[in-house]
Amino acid sequence: MLKNLRNLRKLKGYKQTDISNFLTCTVGHYQRIEYGQIDLPLSKVIALADYFGVSLDYLVGRSDNPEINNS
């Protein structure tokens, strides 16, 4: 589950249609992703983390720190 996806989307001022276009899926499909009803392949999760400039751990709710640790 991508616990911080909705908050990131709203923080950046994106609409659900913006992210669904990025993921090349319908808005309905994206809504189910955002509500945790559908899991994404890891490649899409990585793409979303890169898109928002946050760590994977932050995106999935395993960390409160959005910083990417490149050490």
N, C-alpha and C. Protein backbone atom coordinates (compact mmCIF):
# COMPACT_ATOMS: atom_id res chain seq x y z
N MET A 1 0.83 -1.18 0.00
CA MET A 1 0.00 0.00 0.00
C MET A 1 0.88 1.25 0.00
N LEU A 2 0.52 2.19 -0.81
CA LEU A 2 1.28 3.44 -0.93
C LEU A 2 0.65 4.48 -0.01
N LYS A 3 0.99 4.42 1.26
CA LYS A 3 0.32 5.21 2.29
C LYS A 3 0.42 6.72 2.08
N ASN A 4 1.49 7.20 1.51
CA ASN A 4 1.68 8.64 1.37
C ASN A 4 1.36 9.16 -0.02
N LEU A 5 0.88 8.32 -0.90
CA LEU A 5 0.63 8.73 -2.28
C LEU A 5 -0.38 9.87 -2.37
N ARG A 6 -1.51 9.72 -1.72
CA ARG A 6 -2.56 10.75 -1.79
C ARG A 6 -2.04 12.08 -1.23
N ASN A 7 -1.37 12.03 -0.08
CA ASN A 7 -0.84 13.26 0.51
C ASN A 7 0.18 13.94 -0.39
N LEU A 8 1.06 13.15 -0.99
CA LEU A 8 2.05 13.72 -1.92
C LEU A 8 1.38 14.35 -3.12
N ARG A 9 0.38 13.67 -3.66
CA ARG A 9 -0.33 14.20 -4.83
C ARG A 9 -0.95 15.54 -4.50
N LYS A 10 -1.62 15.62 -3.36
CA LYS A 10 -2.27 16.86 -2.97
C LYS A 10 -1.25 17.96 -2.65
N LEU A 11 -0.17 17.58 -1.97
CA LEU A 11 0.87 18.55 -1.61
C LEU A 11 1.47 19.20 -2.86
N LYS A 12 1.66 18.40 -3.90
CA LYS A 12 2.24 18.91 -5.16
C LYS A 12 1.21 19.59 -6.05
N GLY A 13 -0.07 19.51 -5.67
CA GLY A 13 -1.12 20.16 -6.45
C GLY A 13 -1.56 19.39 -7.68
N TYR A 14 -1.30 18.09 -7.70
CA TYR A 14 -1.70 17.27 -8.84
C TYR A 14 -3.10 16.71 -8.64
N LYS A 15 -3.78 16.50 -9.73
CA LYS A 15 -5.08 15.85 -9.72
C LYS A 15 -4.89 14.36 -9.96
N GLN A 16 -5.90 13.59 -9.64
CA GLN A 16 -5.82 12.15 -9.89
C GLN A 16 -5.60 11.87 -11.37
N THR A 17 -6.15 12.71 -12.23
CA THR A 17 -5.95 12.51 -13.67
C THR A 17 -4.48 12.69 -14.06
N ASP A 18 -3.79 13.61 -13.40
CA ASP A 18 -2.37 13.82 -13.70
C ASP A 18 -1.56 12.55 -13.42
N ILE A 19 -1.80 11.94 -12.27
CA ILE A 19 -1.04 10.76 -11.90
C ILE A 19 -1.49 9.55 -12.72
N SER A 20 -2.77 9.46 -13.01
CA SER A 20 -3.24 8.34 -13.85
C SER A 20 -2.62 8.44 -15.24
N ASN A 21 -2.47 9.64 -15.76
CA ASN A 21 -1.81 9.81 -17.06
C ASN A 21 -0.34 9.39 -16.97
N PHE A 22 0.32 9.75 -15.88
CA PHE A 22 1.72 9.36 -15.70
C PHE A 22 1.86 7.83 -15.66
N LEU A 23 0.93 7.19 -14.98
CA LEU A 23 0.97 5.73 -14.87
C LEU A 23 0.34 5.02 -16.06
N THR A 24 -0.21 5.78 -16.98
CA THR A 24 -0.94 5.26 -18.15
C THR A 24 -2.03 4.27 -17.74
N CYS A 25 -2.90 4.75 -16.85
CA CYS A 25 -4.06 3.95 -16.44
C CYS A 25 -5.27 4.88 -16.36
N THR A 26 -6.43 4.31 -16.17
CA THR A 26 -7.64 5.12 -16.05
C THR A 26 -7.67 5.78 -14.67
N VAL A 27 -8.47 6.82 -14.55
CA VAL A 27 -8.62 7.49 -13.26
C VAL A 27 -9.20 6.53 -12.23
N GLY A 28 -10.17 5.73 -12.63
CA GLY A 28 -10.76 4.75 -11.73
C GLY A 28 -9.73 3.76 -11.20
N HIS A 29 -8.86 3.31 -12.08
CA HIS A 29 -7.80 2.38 -11.68
C HIS A 29 -6.86 3.09 -10.69
N TYR A 30 -6.50 4.32 -11.01
CA TYR A 30 -5.63 5.08 -10.11
C TYR A 30 -6.29 5.28 -8.74
N GLN A 31 -7.57 5.58 -8.73
CA GLN A 31 -8.27 5.75 -7.45
C GLN A 31 -8.16 4.50 -6.59
N ARG A 32 -8.29 3.35 -7.22
CA ARG A 32 -8.16 2.10 -6.47
C ARG A 32 -6.73 1.89 -5.96
N ILE A 33 -5.75 2.37 -6.70
CA ILE A 33 -4.36 2.33 -6.23
C ILE A 33 -4.23 3.23 -5.00
N GLU A 34 -4.75 4.44 -5.11
CA GLU A 34 -4.64 5.41 -4.03
C GLU A 34 -5.34 4.94 -2.76
N TYR A 35 -6.43 4.22 -2.90
CA TYR A 35 -7.17 3.72 -1.75
C TYR A 35 -6.68 2.36 -1.27
N GLY A 36 -5.60 1.86 -1.86
CA GLY A 36 -4.99 0.62 -1.40
C GLY A 36 -5.71 -0.64 -1.83
N GLN A 37 -6.56 -0.54 -2.84
CA GLN A 37 -7.31 -1.70 -3.32
C GLN A 37 -6.56 -2.48 -4.39
N ILE A 38 -5.55 -1.83 -5.00
CA ILE A 38 -4.76 -2.46 -6.06
C ILE A 38 -3.28 -2.25 -5.75
N ASP A 39 -2.50 -3.29 -5.87
CA ASP A 39 -1.05 -3.18 -5.71
C ASP A 39 -0.42 -2.89 -7.07
N LEU A 40 0.69 -2.18 -7.02
CA LEU A 40 1.43 -1.83 -8.23
C LEU A 40 2.69 -2.67 -8.34
N PRO A 41 3.14 -2.93 -9.57
CA PRO A 41 4.45 -3.57 -9.74
C PRO A 41 5.54 -2.64 -9.19
N LEU A 42 6.61 -3.22 -8.72
CA LEU A 42 7.70 -2.45 -8.14
C LEU A 42 8.21 -1.37 -9.09
N SER A 43 8.27 -1.67 -10.36
CA SER A 43 8.76 -0.67 -11.33
C SER A 43 7.90 0.60 -11.32
N LYS A 44 6.60 0.45 -11.13
CA LYS A 44 5.70 1.61 -11.07
C LYS A 44 5.86 2.34 -9.74
N VAL A 45 6.08 1.60 -8.66
CA VAL A 45 6.29 2.23 -7.36
C VAL A 45 7.58 3.05 -7.39
N ILE A 46 8.62 2.50 -7.98
CA ILE A 46 9.89 3.24 -8.12
C ILE A 46 9.68 4.48 -8.98
N ALA A 47 8.92 4.35 -10.05
CA ALA A 47 8.66 5.50 -10.92
C ALA A 47 7.92 6.59 -10.16
N LEU A 48 6.96 6.21 -9.32
CA LEU A 48 6.24 7.21 -8.53
C LEU A 48 7.15 7.88 -7.51
N ALA A 49 8.01 7.11 -6.86
CA ALA A 49 8.94 7.70 -5.89
C ALA A 49 9.86 8.70 -6.60
N ASP A 50 10.35 8.35 -7.78
CA ASP A 50 11.19 9.26 -8.56
C ASP A 50 10.40 10.50 -8.99
N TYR A 51 9.17 10.30 -9.40
CA TYR A 51 8.29 11.38 -9.86
C TYR A 51 8.09 12.42 -8.76
N PHE A 52 7.88 11.94 -7.53
CA PHE A 52 7.66 12.84 -6.41
C PHE A 52 8.96 13.23 -5.69
N GLY A 53 10.07 12.59 -6.04
CA GLY A 53 11.35 12.91 -5.43
C GLY A 53 11.45 12.49 -3.97
N VAL A 54 10.86 11.34 -3.66
CA VAL A 54 10.88 10.82 -2.29
C VAL A 54 11.44 9.40 -2.28
N SER A 55 11.77 8.93 -1.08
CA SER A 55 12.27 7.57 -0.95
C SER A 55 11.13 6.56 -1.06
N LEU A 56 11.46 5.35 -1.43
CA LEU A 56 10.46 4.28 -1.48
C LEU A 56 9.87 4.04 -0.10
N ASP A 57 10.71 4.05 0.93
CA ASP A 57 10.23 3.83 2.29
C ASP A 57 9.19 4.88 2.68
N TYR A 58 9.42 6.11 2.31
CA TYR A 58 8.44 7.16 2.62
C TYR A 58 7.14 6.94 1.86
N LEU A 59 7.25 6.62 0.59
CA LEU A 59 6.07 6.43 -0.24
C LEU A 59 5.17 5.32 0.30
N VAL A 60 5.77 4.25 0.79
CA VAL A 60 4.97 3.12 1.27
C VAL A 60 4.68 3.20 2.77
N GLY A 61 5.12 4.27 3.43
CA GLY A 61 4.78 4.47 4.83
C GLY A 61 5.69 3.79 5.82
N ARG A 62 6.88 3.37 5.39
CA ARG A 62 7.83 2.72 6.30
C ARG A 62 8.74 3.72 6.99
N SER A 63 8.68 4.97 6.56
CA SER A 63 9.51 6.02 7.14
C SER A 63 8.74 7.33 7.08
N ASP A 64 9.03 8.21 8.04
CA ASP A 64 8.45 9.55 8.02
C ASP A 64 9.36 10.54 7.30
N ASN A 65 10.52 10.07 6.87
CA ASN A 65 11.51 10.91 6.22
C ASN A 65 11.42 10.74 4.70
N PRO A 66 11.02 11.80 3.98
CA PRO A 66 10.92 11.67 2.53
C PRO A 66 12.26 11.72 1.79
N GLU A 67 13.33 12.04 2.51
CA GLU A 67 14.65 12.16 1.90
C GLU A 67 15.13 10.84 1.32
N ILE A 68 15.78 10.92 0.18
CA ILE A 68 16.37 9.75 -0.45
C ILE A 68 17.77 9.58 0.10
N ASN A 69 18.08 8.40 0.63
CA ASN A 69 19.38 8.11 1.21
C ASN A 69 20.24 7.42 0.16
N ASN A 70 21.22 8.16 -0.35
CA ASN A 70 22.08 7.62 -1.41
C ASN A 70 23.43 7.16 -0.90
N SER A 71 23.57 6.92 0.40
CA SER A 71 24.88 6.54 0.94
C SER A 71 25.16 5.07 0.75
